[in-house]
Amino acid sequence: MSENRRKRREDNRKEHKNKSDISRKDKIIGILAIIIVLLLGTIAGYYYSLSNAR
């Protein structure tokens, strides 16, 4: 009986793992997109502060 319970719990864990499968390529694209957005925000803030300093 405990073997059946163990097998059922393993099957449940496998089902939950598959829901959030994100490929390595998608993760890299997401991280690069976040970095680009942060850089653009920093550059825009820098130029904005320079234009107000005059």
N, C-alpha and C. Protein backbone atom coordinates (compact mmCIF):
# COMPACT_ATOMS: atom_id res chain seq x y z
N MET A 1 0.83 -1.20 0.00
CA MET A 1 0.00 0.00 0.00
C MET A 1 0.86 1.25 0.00
N SER A 2 1.95 1.25 0.75
CA SER A 2 2.78 2.45 0.78
C SER A 2 3.44 2.70 -0.56
N GLU A 3 3.71 1.63 -1.33
CA GLU A 3 4.29 1.81 -2.66
C GLU A 3 3.32 2.54 -3.59
N ASN A 4 2.05 2.20 -3.51
CA ASN A 4 1.06 2.90 -4.33
C ASN A 4 0.98 4.37 -3.96
N ARG A 5 1.01 4.64 -2.67
CA ARG A 5 0.94 6.03 -2.21
C ARG A 5 2.18 6.79 -2.68
N ARG A 6 3.35 6.16 -2.60
CA ARG A 6 4.59 6.81 -3.04
C ARG A 6 4.52 7.11 -4.53
N LYS A 7 4.04 6.14 -5.31
CA LYS A 7 3.94 6.34 -6.76
C LYS A 7 2.96 7.46 -7.08
N ARG A 8 1.84 7.51 -6.37
CA ARG A 8 0.86 8.57 -6.60
C ARG A 8 1.45 9.94 -6.29
N ARG A 9 2.22 10.05 -5.21
CA ARG A 9 2.83 11.33 -4.84
C ARG A 9 3.89 11.74 -5.87
N GLU A 10 4.66 10.77 -6.38
CA GLU A 10 5.64 11.09 -7.42
C GLU A 10 4.94 11.59 -8.68
N ASP A 11 3.83 10.97 -9.04
CA ASP A 11 3.08 11.41 -10.22
C ASP A 11 2.55 12.83 -10.02
N ASN A 12 2.09 13.14 -8.82
CA ASN A 12 1.60 14.49 -8.53
C ASN A 12 2.72 15.51 -8.66
N ARG A 13 3.91 15.18 -8.17
CA ARG A 13 5.05 16.10 -8.27
C ARG A 13 5.41 16.34 -9.73
N LYS A 14 5.39 15.30 -10.55
CA LYS A 14 5.72 15.44 -11.96
C LYS A 14 4.71 16.35 -12.67
N GLU A 15 3.44 16.22 -12.32
CA GLU A 15 2.41 17.06 -12.93
C GLU A 15 2.65 18.53 -12.60
N HIS A 16 3.01 18.82 -11.37
CA HIS A 16 3.22 20.21 -10.96
C HIS A 16 4.47 20.80 -11.60
N LYS A 17 5.48 19.99 -11.81
CA LYS A 17 6.73 20.50 -12.41
C LYS A 17 6.51 20.93 -13.84
N ASN A 18 5.69 20.21 -14.59
CA ASN A 18 5.52 20.49 -16.02
C ASN A 18 4.77 21.79 -16.28
N LYS A 19 4.06 22.31 -15.30
CA LYS A 19 3.26 23.51 -15.53
C LYS A 19 4.14 24.73 -15.79
N SER A 20 5.29 24.82 -15.16
CA SER A 20 6.12 26.01 -15.29
C SER A 20 7.40 25.72 -16.06
N ASP A 21 7.28 24.94 -17.12
CA ASP A 21 8.45 24.65 -17.95
C ASP A 21 8.73 25.84 -18.87
N ILE A 22 9.81 26.55 -18.61
CA ILE A 22 10.23 27.66 -19.45
C ILE A 22 11.57 27.26 -20.05
N SER A 23 11.67 27.37 -21.37
CA SER A 23 12.90 26.94 -22.01
C SER A 23 14.04 27.89 -21.66
N ARG A 24 15.24 27.41 -21.81
CA ARG A 24 16.42 28.21 -21.50
C ARG A 24 16.49 29.45 -22.37
N LYS A 25 16.11 29.29 -23.65
CA LYS A 25 16.11 30.42 -24.58
C LYS A 25 15.15 31.52 -24.11
N ASP A 26 13.96 31.13 -23.67
CA ASP A 26 12.98 32.12 -23.20
C ASP A 26 13.47 32.83 -21.94
N LYS A 27 14.15 32.11 -21.05
CA LYS A 27 14.67 32.75 -19.85
C LYS A 27 15.72 33.79 -20.20
N ILE A 28 16.62 33.45 -21.14
CA ILE A 28 17.67 34.39 -21.55
C ILE A 28 17.05 35.63 -22.20
N ILE A 29 16.05 35.42 -23.06
CA ILE A 29 15.39 36.56 -23.71
C ILE A 29 14.71 37.45 -22.67
N GLY A 30 14.08 36.85 -21.69
CA GLY A 30 13.41 37.62 -20.64
C GLY A 30 14.39 38.43 -19.82
N ILE A 31 15.51 37.83 -19.43
CA ILE A 31 16.51 38.54 -18.64
C ILE A 31 17.12 39.68 -19.45
N LEU A 32 17.41 39.44 -20.73
CA LEU A 32 17.95 40.50 -21.58
C LEU A 32 16.95 41.63 -21.74
N ALA A 33 15.68 41.31 -21.88
CA ALA A 33 14.66 42.36 -22.02
C ALA A 33 14.60 43.22 -20.76
N ILE A 34 14.68 42.60 -19.58
CA ILE A 34 14.66 43.35 -18.32
C ILE A 34 15.87 44.26 -18.23
N ILE A 35 17.05 43.74 -18.59
CA ILE A 35 18.27 44.55 -18.53
C ILE A 35 18.18 45.73 -19.49
N ILE A 36 17.68 45.51 -20.71
CA ILE A 36 17.57 46.60 -21.68
C ILE A 36 16.61 47.67 -21.18
N VAL A 37 15.48 47.26 -20.60
CA VAL A 37 14.52 48.23 -20.08
C VAL A 37 15.14 49.05 -18.95
N LEU A 38 15.87 48.40 -18.06
CA LEU A 38 16.51 49.13 -16.96
C LEU A 38 17.57 50.10 -17.48
N LEU A 39 18.36 49.67 -18.47
CA LEU A 39 19.37 50.56 -19.05
C LEU A 39 18.72 51.76 -19.72
N LEU A 40 17.67 51.54 -20.49
CA LEU A 40 16.99 52.64 -21.16
C LEU A 40 16.41 53.62 -20.14
N GLY A 41 15.87 53.11 -19.06
CA GLY A 41 15.33 53.98 -18.01
C GLY A 41 16.43 54.80 -17.35
N THR A 42 17.56 54.17 -17.11
CA THR A 42 18.69 54.88 -16.50
C THR A 42 19.21 55.98 -17.42
N ILE A 43 19.36 55.65 -18.71
CA ILE A 43 19.85 56.64 -19.67
C ILE A 43 18.85 57.78 -19.82
N ALA A 44 17.57 57.47 -19.87
CA ALA A 44 16.55 58.52 -20.00
C ALA A 44 16.57 59.42 -18.77
N GLY A 45 16.70 58.85 -17.59
CA GLY A 45 16.76 59.66 -16.37
C GLY A 45 18.00 60.53 -16.34
N TYR A 46 19.10 60.02 -16.81
CA TYR A 46 20.36 60.77 -16.85
C TYR A 46 20.23 61.97 -17.79
N TYR A 47 19.71 61.74 -18.99
CA TYR A 47 19.54 62.85 -19.93
C TYR A 47 18.51 63.85 -19.44
N TYR A 48 17.47 63.38 -18.78
CA TYR A 48 16.46 64.28 -18.24
C TYR A 48 17.07 65.19 -17.18
N SER A 49 17.90 64.61 -16.31
CA SER A 49 18.51 65.42 -15.26
C SER A 49 19.53 66.40 -15.87
N LEU A 50 20.21 66.03 -16.95
CA LEU A 50 21.14 66.94 -17.61
C LEU A 50 20.39 68.09 -18.27
N SER A 51 19.24 67.79 -18.87
CA SER A 51 18.50 68.86 -19.55
C SER A 51 17.89 69.84 -18.55
N ASN A 52 17.59 69.40 -17.34
CA ASN A 52 17.04 70.29 -16.32
C ASN A 52 18.13 71.08 -15.60
N ALA A 53 19.37 70.66 -15.71
CA ALA A 53 20.46 71.32 -14.98
C ALA A 53 20.83 72.66 -15.63
N ARG A 54 20.48 72.85 -16.88
CA ARG A 54 20.87 74.09 -17.58
C ARG A 54 20.11 75.24 -17.14
